Amino acid sequence: MSSSKGVRWRVSSYSNGEGQCVEVARCATAVGARDTKDTGHGPELWTSCESWAAFVGSVRRGSLEG
């Protein structure tokens, strides 16, 4: 997906309200993430829903800690 036009972005519930967080959007086939400091202007990372689910699962299990 190359454009976020028409998707609804949501801010993490862990956000501290100081722009130090990530926003996430989902459409039918992909999930996007972007930095809240660059809302609407900065880069967006889009991946398949399956890849996002695997990433979130790894975070929850602590598999990414190094």
Protein backbone atom coordinates (compact mmCIF):
# COMPACT_ATOMS: atom_id res chain seq x y z
CA MET A 1 0.00 0.00 0.00
CA SER A 2 1.51 3.32 -0.98
CA SER A 3 -1.03 5.79 0.41
CA SER A 4 -2.87 6.12 3.69
CA LYS A 5 -5.66 8.16 2.14
CA GLY A 6 -8.97 7.12 3.63
CA VAL A 7 -7.67 4.99 6.50
CA ARG A 8 -8.28 5.76 10.17
CA TRP A 9 -5.14 6.05 12.30
CA ARG A 10 -5.26 5.35 16.03
CA VAL A 11 -2.72 6.20 18.71
CA SER A 12 -1.41 3.56 21.06
CA SER A 13 -3.14 3.35 24.42
CA TYR A 14 0.37 3.52 25.93
CA SER A 15 0.91 7.01 24.50
CA ASN A 16 1.98 9.62 27.02
CA GLY A 17 0.43 12.46 25.03
CA GLU A 18 3.79 14.02 24.20
CA GLY A 19 4.08 12.73 20.63
CA GLN A 20 6.39 9.89 21.65
CA CYS A 21 4.31 7.13 20.21
CA VAL A 22 3.24 5.19 17.16
CA GLU A 23 -0.02 5.36 15.26
CA VAL A 24 -1.46 2.28 13.60
CA ALA A 25 -4.00 1.95 10.78
CA ARG A 26 -5.58 -1.14 9.28
CA CYS A 27 -7.25 -1.74 5.96
CA ALA A 28 -8.52 -4.97 4.42
CA THR A 29 -5.11 -6.35 3.44
CA ALA A 30 -2.46 -4.41 5.36
CA VAL A 31 -1.49 -2.67 8.59
CA GLY A 32 0.38 0.63 8.65
CA ALA A 33 2.48 2.30 11.33
CA ARG A 34 3.83 5.84 11.56
CA ASP A 35 5.43 8.19 14.09
CA THR A 36 2.97 10.52 15.81
CA LYS A 37 5.44 13.42 15.52
CA ASP A 38 5.16 13.28 11.71
CA THR A 39 1.40 12.74 11.50
CA GLY A 40 0.35 13.11 7.89
CA HIS A 41 3.81 14.19 6.72
CA GLY A 42 6.34 11.53 7.59
CA PRO A 43 6.99 8.03 6.29
CA GLU A 44 4.60 5.15 6.82
CA LEU A 45 5.48 1.48 7.12
CA TRP A 46 2.92 -0.91 5.64
CA THR A 47 2.96 -4.69 5.98
CA SER A 48 0.56 -7.58 5.54
CA CYS A 49 -1.89 -8.33 8.33
CA GLU A 50 -0.18 -11.71 8.83
CA SER A 51 3.26 -10.12 9.24
CA TRP A 52 1.88 -7.56 11.69
CA ALA A 53 0.25 -10.29 13.77
CA ALA A 54 3.57 -12.18 13.89
CA PHE A 55 5.39 -9.00 14.95
CA VAL A 56 2.89 -8.22 17.73
CA GLY A 57 3.07 -11.83 18.93
CA SER A 58 6.86 -11.61 19.13
CA VAL A 59 6.64 -8.38 21.12
CA ARG A 60 4.16 -9.90 23.56
CA ARG A 61 6.36 -12.96 24.10
CA GLY A 62 9.46 -10.80 24.57
CA SER A 63 11.16 -12.54 21.64
CA LEU A 64 12.62 -9.27 20.29
CA GLU A 65 14.50 -8.30 23.41
CA GLY A 66 18.16 -8.62 22.83
